[in-house]
Every structure is written in C-alpha cells, then in structure tokens.
Amino acid sequence: MQRRVADVPDKWTVSADGWTLYDWDGIAGYGHDGAAIGQYGYLRVVPQAGVAVALLTNGGGARELYAALFRELLGDLVGVRMPDAFEPPAQAPVVDFSRYVGTYKRAGVVITVTERDGAPHLVYEFVDGMKDFSSPLDVELYAVTESVFAGTGAGPSFSEGYMPVVFSTLGDGTECCYIGMRAAPKVA
C-alpha cells in the first residue's frame, strides 16, 4: 500500500478518502484522511522515522487545525516541511473557462458551474437524501492552471482558505469536476 498505483488529477487536496503517498522534500510518507458531515480524521505516517500522527475531530475549523498542528509536529519530529496552503498564484493564467460551464453530478451532490459577471463560479449543493445536510456552497473560482482553480467559501473545515477545484477528462472521454478528490461527471 506504499507503492503508487494510480495518479489522480487533484494533486492538492489532502483531505480525501484513500491512501495518499507523500514526498516532503525527499522524506517519504503516507496518510489517509476522511470526512463525514461534521467529523474529520487525518493520519500521517513517516515510516523511516517510526512516526505516526493522527487527529480526529468533530468540530469546525478541522482543516486549519490539521494544517497548523501537523506542520508543527512533523516539522519538529522528523524535519518534514509540508506544502504551504493551496491558493491562487499572484499572476493568474488567462483561461477559457467556457468549456467547463455546465452541470456535474455524483451521488448526493450537484455542482453547477457558470460564469457570473464574467468570472468563473460554481454552486455545490447536496441533493436527494443528503439535501438537508448543508446549505449550498457559493464558490468564486480563481485560475491556478488551465484546469485547476482555487475556490472560495468552502469554510475552514474543508480548506485553509481556498479549496482545489479540478477539471479533468477520464480515459473514456467523460468530463469531470473534482472537489475533495471526488469526481462528479458532467451531465449537462
């Protein structure tokens, strides 16, 4: 489970289900994050140092707590320098966003991608059996690369300021929007 099997389009989200392999400036590690509504778990393991750090929380601000705590602990214990918080670059690339406009859907979630006042925008909402779990997220998007955007408004449980939003196409040609490393195929 410490061997790379597949690459994912979203290289920035840390709080996603599944094992994730890390290379912190040459120091190998792995981890697993998970979340349910209001509950978050984070695990980081640095095998060469015999160190494992875990955080379980059921409160707001989980992502910010994780980032501050793990940056300090892994830095002090094993010399790991975790990446800085995800954010848009000072000089954003110019992107033709129109190709991403549409509706993306996965179980329990609909993502509506539009341009609002000429700027990239999305609404992330729970639907079906999950519709009453949370109010829709209204997200402004800022280009990081041609297909990666920094989204606002996700809240401190999901990000340190900006949430990665990644657009990618699967091998079969299906266009997807990744939020939290979860793929939502384009349906309209």
N, C-alpha and C. Protein backbone atom coordinates (compact mmCIF):
# COMPACT_ATOMS: atom_id res chain seq x y z
N MET A 1 0.82 -1.20 0.00
CA MET A 1 0.00 0.00 0.00
C MET A 1 0.86 1.26 0.00
N GLN A 2 2.17 1.10 -0.05
CA GLN A 2 3.05 2.25 -0.10
C GLN A 2 3.67 2.43 -1.48
N ARG A 3 3.05 1.82 -2.49
CA ARG A 3 3.51 1.92 -3.87
C ARG A 3 2.45 2.65 -4.68
N ARG A 4 2.88 3.62 -5.48
CA ARG A 4 1.95 4.38 -6.32
C ARG A 4 1.31 3.45 -7.33
N VAL A 5 -0.01 3.46 -7.37
CA VAL A 5 -0.76 2.63 -8.30
C VAL A 5 -1.41 3.49 -9.38
N ALA A 6 -1.94 4.63 -9.01
CA ALA A 6 -2.62 5.50 -9.97
C ALA A 6 -2.42 6.95 -9.57
N ASP A 7 -2.34 7.79 -10.57
CA ASP A 7 -2.29 9.23 -10.32
C ASP A 7 -3.71 9.78 -10.37
N VAL A 8 -3.94 10.82 -9.62
CA VAL A 8 -5.24 11.48 -9.63
C VAL A 8 -5.06 12.90 -10.14
N PRO A 9 -6.07 13.45 -10.79
CA PRO A 9 -5.95 14.82 -11.31
C PRO A 9 -5.78 15.87 -10.22
N ASP A 10 -6.34 15.63 -9.05
CA ASP A 10 -6.26 16.59 -7.95
C ASP A 10 -5.04 16.27 -7.09
N LYS A 11 -3.99 17.06 -7.26
CA LYS A 11 -2.74 16.84 -6.51
C LYS A 11 -2.65 17.73 -5.26
N TRP A 12 -3.72 18.46 -4.97
CA TRP A 12 -3.66 19.46 -3.90
C TRP A 12 -4.51 19.11 -2.69
N THR A 13 -5.60 18.42 -2.89
CA THR A 13 -6.47 18.10 -1.76
C THR A 13 -5.82 17.03 -0.91
N VAL A 14 -5.68 17.30 0.35
CA VAL A 14 -5.12 16.32 1.26
C VAL A 14 -6.24 15.58 1.97
N SER A 15 -7.34 16.25 2.22
CA SER A 15 -8.42 15.62 2.98
C SER A 15 -9.37 14.88 2.04
N ALA A 16 -8.88 13.74 1.57
CA ALA A 16 -9.69 12.91 0.68
C ALA A 16 -9.59 11.47 1.14
N ASP A 17 -10.61 10.71 0.86
CA ASP A 17 -10.60 9.31 1.24
C ASP A 17 -9.54 8.56 0.43
N GLY A 18 -8.92 7.59 1.04
CA GLY A 18 -7.92 6.77 0.36
C GLY A 18 -6.52 7.05 0.86
N TRP A 19 -5.63 6.09 0.63
CA TRP A 19 -4.23 6.28 0.98
C TRP A 19 -3.61 7.28 0.03
N THR A 20 -2.82 8.16 0.56
CA THR A 20 -2.12 9.15 -0.23
C THR A 20 -0.64 9.02 0.08
N LEU A 21 0.19 9.01 -0.96
CA LEU A 21 1.64 8.94 -0.77
C LEU A 21 2.19 10.36 -0.83
N TYR A 22 3.16 10.65 0.03
CA TYR A 22 3.75 11.98 0.11
C TYR A 22 5.25 11.91 -0.11
N ASP A 23 5.79 12.97 -0.68
CA ASP A 23 7.22 13.18 -0.76
C ASP A 23 7.44 14.61 -0.29
N TRP A 24 7.85 14.73 0.96
CA TRP A 24 8.09 16.04 1.56
C TRP A 24 9.57 16.34 1.42
N ASP A 25 9.97 16.94 0.31
CA ASP A 25 11.37 17.27 0.04
C ASP A 25 12.28 16.07 0.30
N GLY A 26 11.92 14.91 -0.26
CA GLY A 26 12.74 13.71 -0.14
C GLY A 26 12.41 12.82 1.03
N ILE A 27 11.54 13.24 1.93
CA ILE A 27 11.13 12.40 3.05
C ILE A 27 9.80 11.74 2.68
N ALA A 28 9.80 10.43 2.57
CA ALA A 28 8.60 9.69 2.15
C ALA A 28 7.63 9.53 3.30
N GLY A 29 6.37 9.62 2.98
CA GLY A 29 5.32 9.39 3.97
C GLY A 29 4.04 8.98 3.29
N TYR A 30 3.08 8.58 4.08
CA TYR A 30 1.77 8.27 3.55
C TYR A 30 0.72 8.63 4.58
N GLY A 31 -0.53 8.64 4.15
CA GLY A 31 -1.58 9.01 5.07
C GLY A 31 -2.96 8.70 4.52
N HIS A 32 -3.91 9.00 5.33
CA HIS A 32 -5.32 8.79 4.97
C HIS A 32 -6.13 9.84 5.69
N ASP A 33 -7.04 10.46 4.96
CA ASP A 33 -7.96 11.42 5.56
C ASP A 33 -9.37 10.94 5.27
N GLY A 34 -10.29 11.34 6.10
CA GLY A 34 -11.68 11.00 5.87
C GLY A 34 -12.57 12.05 6.49
N ALA A 35 -13.77 12.13 5.97
CA ALA A 35 -14.69 13.13 6.49
C ALA A 35 -16.12 12.66 6.31
N ALA A 36 -16.93 13.02 7.24
CA ALA A 36 -18.38 12.91 7.15
C ALA A 36 -18.86 14.28 7.60
N ILE A 37 -20.10 14.54 7.49
CA ILE A 37 -20.57 15.87 7.83
C ILE A 37 -20.30 16.15 9.30
N GLY A 38 -19.36 17.08 9.54
CA GLY A 38 -19.02 17.49 10.89
C GLY A 38 -17.94 16.67 11.56
N GLN A 39 -17.43 15.62 10.90
CA GLN A 39 -16.41 14.77 11.50
C GLN A 39 -15.25 14.62 10.53
N TYR A 40 -14.01 14.73 11.05
CA TYR A 40 -12.83 14.71 10.19
C TYR A 40 -11.74 13.90 10.85
N GLY A 41 -10.98 13.16 10.05
CA GLY A 41 -9.87 12.38 10.56
C GLY A 41 -8.66 12.53 9.64
N TYR A 42 -7.47 12.62 10.24
CA TYR A 42 -6.23 12.81 9.49
C TYR A 42 -5.17 11.88 10.06
N LEU A 43 -4.43 11.20 9.19
CA LEU A 43 -3.33 10.33 9.61
C LEU A 43 -2.15 10.59 8.70
N ARG A 44 -0.96 10.78 9.28
CA ARG A 44 0.27 10.90 8.52
C ARG A 44 1.30 9.97 9.15
N VAL A 45 1.99 9.21 8.30
CA VAL A 45 2.99 8.25 8.75
C VAL A 45 4.29 8.53 8.01
N VAL A 46 5.38 8.59 8.77
CA VAL A 46 6.72 8.73 8.19
C VAL A 46 7.47 7.47 8.63
N PRO A 47 7.44 6.41 7.78
CA PRO A 47 7.97 5.12 8.19
C PRO A 47 9.46 5.13 8.54
N GLN A 48 10.28 5.87 7.80
CA GLN A 48 11.72 5.86 8.09
C GLN A 48 12.04 6.41 9.46
N ALA A 49 11.14 7.23 10.02
CA ALA A 49 11.37 7.81 11.34
C ALA A 49 10.57 7.10 12.43
N GLY A 50 9.70 6.16 12.03
CA GLY A 50 8.86 5.47 13.01
C GLY A 50 7.84 6.39 13.65
N VAL A 51 7.34 7.36 12.90
CA VAL A 51 6.42 8.35 13.45
C VAL A 51 5.08 8.28 12.75
N ALA A 52 4.02 8.30 13.54
CA ALA A 52 2.66 8.41 13.02
C ALA A 52 1.92 9.45 13.86
N VAL A 53 1.17 10.32 13.17
CA VAL A 53 0.41 11.36 13.85
C VAL A 53 -1.03 11.27 13.36
N ALA A 54 -1.97 11.29 14.29
CA ALA A 54 -3.39 11.21 13.94
C ALA A 54 -4.16 12.33 14.63
N LEU A 55 -5.21 12.79 13.96
CA LEU A 55 -6.10 13.79 14.51
C LEU A 55 -7.53 13.38 14.17
N LEU A 56 -8.39 13.31 15.17
CA LEU A 56 -9.82 13.07 14.99
C LEU A 56 -10.56 14.23 15.60
N THR A 57 -11.49 14.80 14.86
CA THR A 57 -12.22 15.95 15.38
C THR A 57 -13.65 15.94 14.89
N ASN A 58 -14.52 16.55 15.64
CA ASN A 58 -15.91 16.69 15.21
C ASN A 58 -16.37 18.13 15.36
N GLY A 59 -15.45 19.05 15.11
CA GLY A 59 -15.79 20.46 15.24
C GLY A 59 -15.42 21.24 14.00
N GLY A 60 -15.77 22.49 13.99
CA GLY A 60 -15.44 23.37 12.88
C GLY A 60 -13.96 23.68 12.84
N GLY A 61 -13.48 24.13 11.70
CA GLY A 61 -12.09 24.52 11.56
C GLY A 61 -11.12 23.36 11.53
N ALA A 62 -11.59 22.16 11.19
CA ALA A 62 -10.74 20.97 11.22
C ALA A 62 -9.53 21.09 10.31
N ARG A 63 -9.72 21.58 9.11
CA ARG A 63 -8.63 21.65 8.14
C ARG A 63 -7.54 22.62 8.63
N GLU A 64 -7.93 23.74 9.19
CA GLU A 64 -6.95 24.69 9.69
C GLU A 64 -6.21 24.12 10.90
N LEU A 65 -6.93 23.43 11.78
CA LEU A 65 -6.30 22.79 12.93
C LEU A 65 -5.30 21.73 12.45
N TYR A 66 -5.72 20.88 11.52
CA TYR A 66 -4.84 19.85 10.95
C TYR A 66 -3.56 20.50 10.41
N ALA A 67 -3.72 21.51 9.58
CA ALA A 67 -2.56 22.12 8.92
C ALA A 67 -1.57 22.70 9.93
N ALA A 68 -2.07 23.45 10.88
CA ALA A 68 -1.19 24.07 11.87
C ALA A 68 -0.51 23.01 12.75
N LEU A 69 -1.29 22.06 13.23
CA LEU A 69 -0.78 21.04 14.14
C LEU A 69 0.22 20.11 13.44
N PHE A 70 -0.15 19.61 12.26
CA PHE A 70 0.72 18.65 11.57
C PHE A 70 1.98 19.32 11.01
N ARG A 71 1.87 20.55 10.55
CA ARG A 71 3.09 21.26 10.08
C ARG A 71 4.09 21.37 11.22
N GLU A 72 3.59 21.74 12.40
CA GLU A 72 4.50 21.88 13.54
C GLU A 72 5.03 20.52 14.02
N LEU A 73 4.14 19.55 14.22
CA LEU A 73 4.58 18.24 14.73
C LEU A 73 5.53 17.53 13.78
N LEU A 74 5.16 17.44 12.50
CA LEU A 74 6.02 16.73 11.56
C LEU A 74 7.32 17.49 11.31
N GLY A 75 7.26 18.80 11.39
CA GLY A 75 8.49 19.59 11.28
C GLY A 75 9.43 19.34 12.45
N ASP A 76 8.88 19.39 13.66
CA ASP A 76 9.70 19.19 14.86
C ASP A 76 10.18 17.75 15.02
N LEU A 77 9.31 16.77 14.74
CA LEU A 77 9.64 15.37 14.99
C LEU A 77 10.55 14.75 13.93
N VAL A 78 10.33 15.10 12.65
CA VAL A 78 11.09 14.41 11.59
C VAL A 78 11.63 15.34 10.51
N GLY A 79 11.52 16.64 10.71
CA GLY A 79 12.07 17.58 9.74
C GLY A 79 11.28 17.70 8.44
N VAL A 80 10.03 17.30 8.46
CA VAL A 80 9.18 17.40 7.28
C VAL A 80 8.71 18.84 7.11
N ARG A 81 8.80 19.33 5.88
CA ARG A 81 8.21 20.63 5.56
C ARG A 81 7.02 20.36 4.66
N MET A 82 5.83 20.42 5.26
CA MET A 82 4.61 20.21 4.48
C MET A 82 4.40 21.40 3.55
N PRO A 83 3.70 21.16 2.43
CA PRO A 83 3.47 22.26 1.49
C PRO A 83 2.67 23.40 2.12
N ASP A 84 2.88 24.59 1.58
CA ASP A 84 2.08 25.74 2.01
C ASP A 84 0.64 25.52 1.61
N ALA A 85 -0.24 26.31 2.17
CA ALA A 85 -1.67 26.22 1.86
C ALA A 85 -1.90 26.46 0.36
N PHE A 86 -2.86 25.76 -0.20
CA PHE A 86 -3.25 25.91 -1.60
C PHE A 86 -3.89 27.28 -1.79
N GLU A 87 -3.44 28.00 -2.83
CA GLU A 87 -4.01 29.31 -3.13
C GLU A 87 -3.70 29.67 -4.57
N PRO A 88 -4.42 30.65 -5.10
CA PRO A 88 -4.13 31.07 -6.47
C PRO A 88 -2.78 31.78 -6.54
N PRO A 89 -2.13 31.72 -7.71
CA PRO A 89 -0.85 32.41 -7.85
C PRO A 89 -1.04 33.92 -7.92
N ALA A 90 0.02 34.64 -7.65
CA ALA A 90 -0.05 36.10 -7.72
C ALA A 90 -0.40 36.57 -9.13
N GLN A 91 0.12 35.86 -10.14
CA GLN A 91 -0.18 36.17 -11.54
C GLN A 91 -0.98 35.00 -12.11
N ALA A 92 -2.29 35.15 -12.14
CA ALA A 92 -3.17 34.07 -12.60
C ALA A 92 -3.10 33.92 -14.12
N PRO A 93 -3.13 32.67 -14.60
CA PRO A 93 -3.15 32.47 -16.05
C PRO A 93 -4.51 32.86 -16.64
N VAL A 94 -4.50 33.22 -17.91
CA VAL A 94 -5.75 33.51 -18.60
C VAL A 94 -6.29 32.18 -19.13
N VAL A 95 -7.54 31.88 -18.79
CA VAL A 95 -8.13 30.59 -19.12
C VAL A 95 -9.47 30.80 -19.81
N ASP A 96 -9.73 30.01 -20.86
CA ASP A 96 -11.04 29.99 -21.49
C ASP A 96 -11.92 29.08 -20.64
N PHE A 97 -12.67 29.67 -19.74
CA PHE A 97 -13.45 28.90 -18.77
C PHE A 97 -14.73 28.31 -19.37
N SER A 98 -15.16 28.80 -20.51
CA SER A 98 -16.45 28.39 -21.07
C SER A 98 -16.58 26.88 -21.25
N ARG A 99 -15.49 26.18 -21.50
CA ARG A 99 -15.57 24.72 -21.70
C ARG A 99 -15.95 23.96 -20.43
N TYR A 100 -15.79 24.60 -19.27
CA TYR A 100 -16.13 23.94 -18.01
C TYR A 100 -17.55 24.23 -17.55
N VAL A 101 -18.20 25.21 -18.15
CA VAL A 101 -19.56 25.58 -17.76
C VAL A 101 -20.49 24.39 -17.99
N GLY A 102 -21.33 24.10 -16.98
CA GLY A 102 -22.28 23.01 -17.09
C GLY A 102 -22.66 22.48 -15.73
N THR A 103 -23.33 21.33 -15.74
CA THR A 103 -23.78 20.68 -14.51
C THR A 103 -23.05 19.36 -14.35
N TYR A 104 -22.53 19.14 -13.16
CA TYR A 104 -21.79 17.93 -12.82
C TYR A 104 -22.53 17.26 -11.66
N LYS A 105 -22.63 15.93 -11.69
CA LYS A 105 -23.40 15.27 -10.65
C LYS A 105 -22.73 13.96 -10.23
N ARG A 106 -22.74 13.73 -8.92
CA ARG A 106 -22.37 12.44 -8.34
C ARG A 106 -23.39 12.15 -7.25
N ALA A 107 -23.36 11.00 -6.67
CA ALA A 107 -24.35 10.61 -5.67
C ALA A 107 -24.44 11.67 -4.57
N GLY A 108 -25.61 12.26 -4.42
CA GLY A 108 -25.87 13.21 -3.35
C GLY A 108 -25.39 14.63 -3.58
N VAL A 109 -24.75 14.91 -4.72
CA VAL A 109 -24.17 16.23 -4.95
C VAL A 109 -24.41 16.68 -6.40
N VAL A 110 -24.77 17.94 -6.56
CA VAL A 110 -24.82 18.59 -7.87
C VAL A 110 -23.92 19.81 -7.81
N ILE A 111 -23.07 19.96 -8.84
CA ILE A 111 -22.17 21.10 -8.95
C ILE A 111 -22.56 21.85 -10.22
N THR A 112 -22.98 23.09 -10.05
CA THR A 112 -23.38 23.91 -11.19
C THR A 112 -22.29 24.94 -11.45
N VAL A 113 -21.67 24.83 -12.62
CA VAL A 113 -20.54 25.69 -12.97
C VAL A 113 -21.01 26.72 -13.99
N THR A 114 -20.79 28.00 -13.68
CA THR A 114 -21.23 29.09 -14.54
C THR A 114 -20.15 30.18 -14.58
N GLU A 115 -20.44 31.20 -15.35
CA GLU A 115 -19.67 32.43 -15.28
C GLU A 115 -20.61 33.48 -14.74
N ARG A 116 -20.23 34.12 -13.66
CA ARG A 116 -21.05 35.16 -13.04
C ARG A 116 -20.31 36.49 -13.21
N ASP A 117 -20.95 37.42 -13.89
CA ASP A 117 -20.32 38.72 -14.18
C ASP A 117 -18.97 38.53 -14.86
N GLY A 118 -18.88 37.51 -15.74
CA GLY A 118 -17.66 37.25 -16.48
C GLY A 118 -16.58 36.51 -15.73
N ALA A 119 -16.87 36.10 -14.49
CA ALA A 119 -15.87 35.39 -13.67
C ALA A 119 -16.33 33.96 -13.39
N PRO A 120 -15.39 33.00 -13.32
CA PRO A 120 -15.75 31.62 -13.02
C PRO A 120 -16.42 31.48 -11.66
N HIS A 121 -17.44 30.63 -11.60
CA HIS A 121 -18.25 30.50 -10.40
C HIS A 121 -18.85 29.09 -10.36
N LEU A 122 -19.09 28.59 -9.16
CA LEU A 122 -19.84 27.33 -9.04
C LEU A 122 -20.68 27.33 -7.78
N VAL A 123 -21.72 26.51 -7.83
CA VAL A 123 -22.56 26.24 -6.65
C VAL A 123 -22.48 24.74 -6.41
N TYR A 124 -22.13 24.38 -5.17
CA TYR A 124 -22.00 22.99 -4.75
C TYR A 124 -23.14 22.72 -3.79
N GLU A 125 -24.04 21.81 -4.16
CA GLU A 125 -25.18 21.56 -3.28
C GLU A 125 -25.46 20.09 -3.10
N PHE A 126 -25.88 19.77 -1.88
CA PHE A 126 -26.31 18.42 -1.57
C PHE A 126 -27.73 18.23 -2.08
N VAL A 127 -28.02 17.05 -2.63
CA VAL A 127 -29.33 16.75 -3.19
C VAL A 127 -29.77 15.36 -2.73
N ASP A 128 -30.97 15.01 -3.14
CA ASP A 128 -31.55 13.70 -2.83
C ASP A 128 -31.54 13.47 -1.32
N GLY A 129 -31.08 12.34 -0.86
CA GLY A 129 -31.11 12.03 0.56
C GLY A 129 -30.18 12.87 1.41
N MET A 130 -29.30 13.63 0.78
CA MET A 130 -28.35 14.46 1.52
C MET A 130 -28.74 15.93 1.52
N LYS A 131 -29.86 16.29 0.91
CA LYS A 131 -30.20 17.69 0.67
C LYS A 131 -30.31 18.55 1.92
N ASP A 132 -30.60 18.00 3.05
CA ASP A 132 -30.76 18.80 4.26
C ASP A 132 -29.50 18.84 5.14
N PHE A 133 -28.40 18.26 4.66
CA PHE A 133 -27.19 18.21 5.47
C PHE A 133 -26.47 19.55 5.55
N SER A 134 -26.55 20.35 4.51
CA SER A 134 -25.80 21.60 4.49
C SER A 134 -26.37 22.53 3.44
N SER A 135 -26.25 23.81 3.68
CA SER A 135 -26.65 24.80 2.68
C SER A 135 -25.70 24.73 1.49
N PRO A 136 -26.15 25.13 0.30
CA PRO A 136 -25.26 25.13 -0.85
C PRO A 136 -24.05 26.05 -0.63
N LEU A 137 -22.92 25.65 -1.20
CA LEU A 137 -21.72 26.48 -1.16
C LEU A 137 -21.70 27.33 -2.43
N ASP A 138 -21.53 28.62 -2.27
CA ASP A 138 -21.43 29.57 -3.37
C ASP A 138 -19.95 29.89 -3.51
N VAL A 139 -19.33 29.47 -4.62
CA VAL A 139 -17.88 29.47 -4.73
C VAL A 139 -17.38 30.31 -5.91
N GLU A 140 -16.54 31.29 -5.64
CA GLU A 140 -15.85 32.03 -6.68
C GLU A 140 -14.58 31.24 -7.01
N LEU A 141 -14.23 31.19 -8.30
CA LEU A 141 -13.08 30.42 -8.74
C LEU A 141 -11.99 31.32 -9.31
N TYR A 142 -10.74 31.02 -8.96
CA TYR A 142 -9.59 31.76 -9.45
C TYR A 142 -8.63 30.76 -10.10
N ALA A 143 -8.21 31.04 -11.33
CA ALA A 143 -7.35 30.12 -12.07
C ALA A 143 -5.99 29.95 -11.40
N VAL A 144 -5.59 28.69 -11.30
CA VAL A 144 -4.26 28.32 -10.83
C VAL A 144 -3.45 27.82 -12.04
N THR A 145 -4.10 26.95 -12.83
CA THR A 145 -3.56 26.47 -14.09
C THR A 145 -4.72 26.45 -15.08
N GLU A 146 -4.51 25.87 -16.23
CA GLU A 146 -5.55 25.77 -17.26
C GLU A 146 -6.78 25.00 -16.77
N SER A 147 -6.58 24.03 -15.88
CA SER A 147 -7.69 23.19 -15.43
C SER A 147 -7.86 23.12 -13.92
N VAL A 148 -7.07 23.87 -13.19
CA VAL A 148 -7.13 23.87 -11.72
C VAL A 148 -7.50 25.27 -11.25
N PHE A 149 -8.47 25.31 -10.32
CA PHE A 149 -8.96 26.59 -9.81
C PHE A 149 -8.96 26.57 -8.29
N ALA A 150 -8.77 27.74 -7.71
CA ALA A 150 -8.86 27.92 -6.26
C ALA A 150 -10.24 28.48 -5.97
N GLY A 151 -11.02 27.75 -5.16
CA GLY A 151 -12.38 28.16 -4.85
C GLY A 151 -12.49 28.75 -3.46
N THR A 152 -13.32 29.79 -3.35
CA THR A 152 -13.56 30.44 -2.06
C THR A 152 -14.81 29.87 -1.41
N GLY A 153 -15.00 30.16 -0.14
CA GLY A 153 -16.26 29.89 0.52
C GLY A 153 -16.50 28.48 1.02
N ALA A 154 -15.50 27.62 0.95
CA ALA A 154 -15.71 26.24 1.41
C ALA A 154 -15.74 26.15 2.93
N GLY A 155 -15.09 27.07 3.58
CA GLY A 155 -15.09 27.08 5.04
C GLY A 155 -13.87 26.39 5.61
N PRO A 156 -13.55 26.69 6.87
CA PRO A 156 -12.32 26.21 7.48
C PRO A 156 -12.31 24.71 7.79
N SER A 157 -13.43 24.02 7.65
CA SER A 157 -13.39 22.58 7.84
C SER A 157 -12.86 21.88 6.59
N PHE A 158 -12.92 22.55 5.45
CA PHE A 158 -12.52 21.93 4.19
C PHE A 158 -11.23 22.47 3.62
N SER A 159 -10.83 23.67 4.01
CA SER A 159 -9.65 24.26 3.40
C SER A 159 -9.05 25.29 4.34
N GLU A 160 -7.84 25.71 3.99
CA GLU A 160 -7.17 26.76 4.76
C GLU A 160 -7.48 28.14 4.19
N GLY A 161 -8.29 28.21 3.22
CA GLY A 161 -8.63 29.48 2.59
C GLY A 161 -9.21 29.25 1.21
N TYR A 162 -8.56 28.40 0.43
CA TYR A 162 -9.02 28.09 -0.92
C TYR A 162 -9.13 26.57 -1.08
N MET A 163 -10.18 26.15 -1.75
CA MET A 163 -10.44 24.74 -2.00
C MET A 163 -10.04 24.43 -3.44
N PRO A 164 -9.25 23.36 -3.68
CA PRO A 164 -8.93 22.98 -5.05
C PRO A 164 -10.18 22.50 -5.80
N VAL A 165 -10.37 23.01 -7.00
CA VAL A 165 -11.42 22.57 -7.91
C VAL A 165 -10.71 22.22 -9.21
N VAL A 166 -10.78 20.94 -9.60
CA VAL A 166 -10.00 20.45 -10.73
C VAL A 166 -10.94 19.91 -11.80
N PHE A 167 -10.73 20.33 -13.03
CA PHE A 167 -11.48 19.80 -14.17
C PHE A 167 -10.57 18.86 -14.95
N SER A 168 -11.10 17.69 -15.28
CA SER A 168 -10.29 16.68 -15.97
C SER A 168 -11.20 15.82 -16.83
N THR A 169 -10.59 15.12 -17.76
CA THR A 169 -11.33 14.20 -18.62
C THR A 169 -10.82 12.78 -18.38
N LEU A 170 -11.74 11.86 -18.12
CA LEU A 170 -11.39 10.45 -17.91
C LEU A 170 -10.96 9.82 -19.23
N GLY A 171 -10.36 8.65 -19.16
CA GLY A 171 -9.91 7.94 -20.35
C GLY A 171 -11.00 7.65 -21.35
N ASP A 172 -12.25 7.54 -20.88
CA ASP A 172 -13.36 7.26 -21.79
C ASP A 172 -13.99 8.53 -22.36
N GLY A 173 -13.39 9.70 -22.06
CA GLY A 173 -13.88 10.97 -22.58
C GLY A 173 -14.84 11.70 -21.66
N THR A 174 -15.20 11.12 -20.53
CA THR A 174 -16.11 11.76 -19.59
C THR A 174 -15.43 12.95 -18.92
N GLU A 175 -16.06 14.11 -19.02
CA GLU A 175 -15.55 15.30 -18.35
C GLU A 175 -16.00 15.28 -16.90
N CYS A 176 -15.10 15.65 -15.99
CA CYS A 176 -15.41 15.62 -14.56
C CYS A 176 -14.93 16.89 -13.87
N CYS A 177 -15.59 17.19 -12.76
CA CYS A 177 -15.17 18.23 -11.84
C CYS A 177 -14.83 17.52 -10.53
N TYR A 178 -13.60 17.71 -10.07
CA TYR A 178 -13.14 17.09 -8.82
C TYR A 178 -13.17 18.14 -7.71
N ILE A 179 -13.89 17.82 -6.65
CA ILE A 179 -13.85 18.62 -5.43
C ILE A 179 -13.67 17.63 -4.29
N GLY A 180 -12.66 17.86 -3.46
CA GLY A 180 -12.36 16.90 -2.40
C GLY A 180 -11.92 15.57 -2.96
N MET A 181 -11.29 15.58 -4.12
CA MET A 181 -10.82 14.40 -4.86
C MET A 181 -11.95 13.48 -5.29
N ARG A 182 -13.16 13.92 -5.17
CA ARG A 182 -14.30 13.12 -5.62
C ARG A 182 -14.75 13.62 -6.99
N ALA A 183 -14.82 12.72 -7.95
CA ALA A 183 -15.18 13.08 -9.32
C ALA A 183 -16.67 13.16 -9.50
N ALA A 184 -17.11 14.26 -10.10
CA ALA A 184 -18.51 14.42 -10.48
C ALA A 184 -18.56 14.56 -12.00
N PRO A 185 -19.11 13.57 -12.71
CA PRO A 185 -19.18 13.64 -14.17
C PRO A 185 -20.11 14.76 -14.65
N LYS A 186 -19.78 15.33 -15.81
CA LYS A 186 -20.59 16.37 -16.42
C LYS A 186 -21.84 15.72 -17.02
N VAL A 187 -23.00 16.23 -16.64
CA VAL A 187 -24.26 15.65 -17.13
C VAL A 187 -25.01 16.60 -18.05
N ALA A 188 -24.65 17.86 -18.06
CA ALA A 188 -25.31 18.84 -18.95
C ALA A 188 -24.42 20.04 -19.15
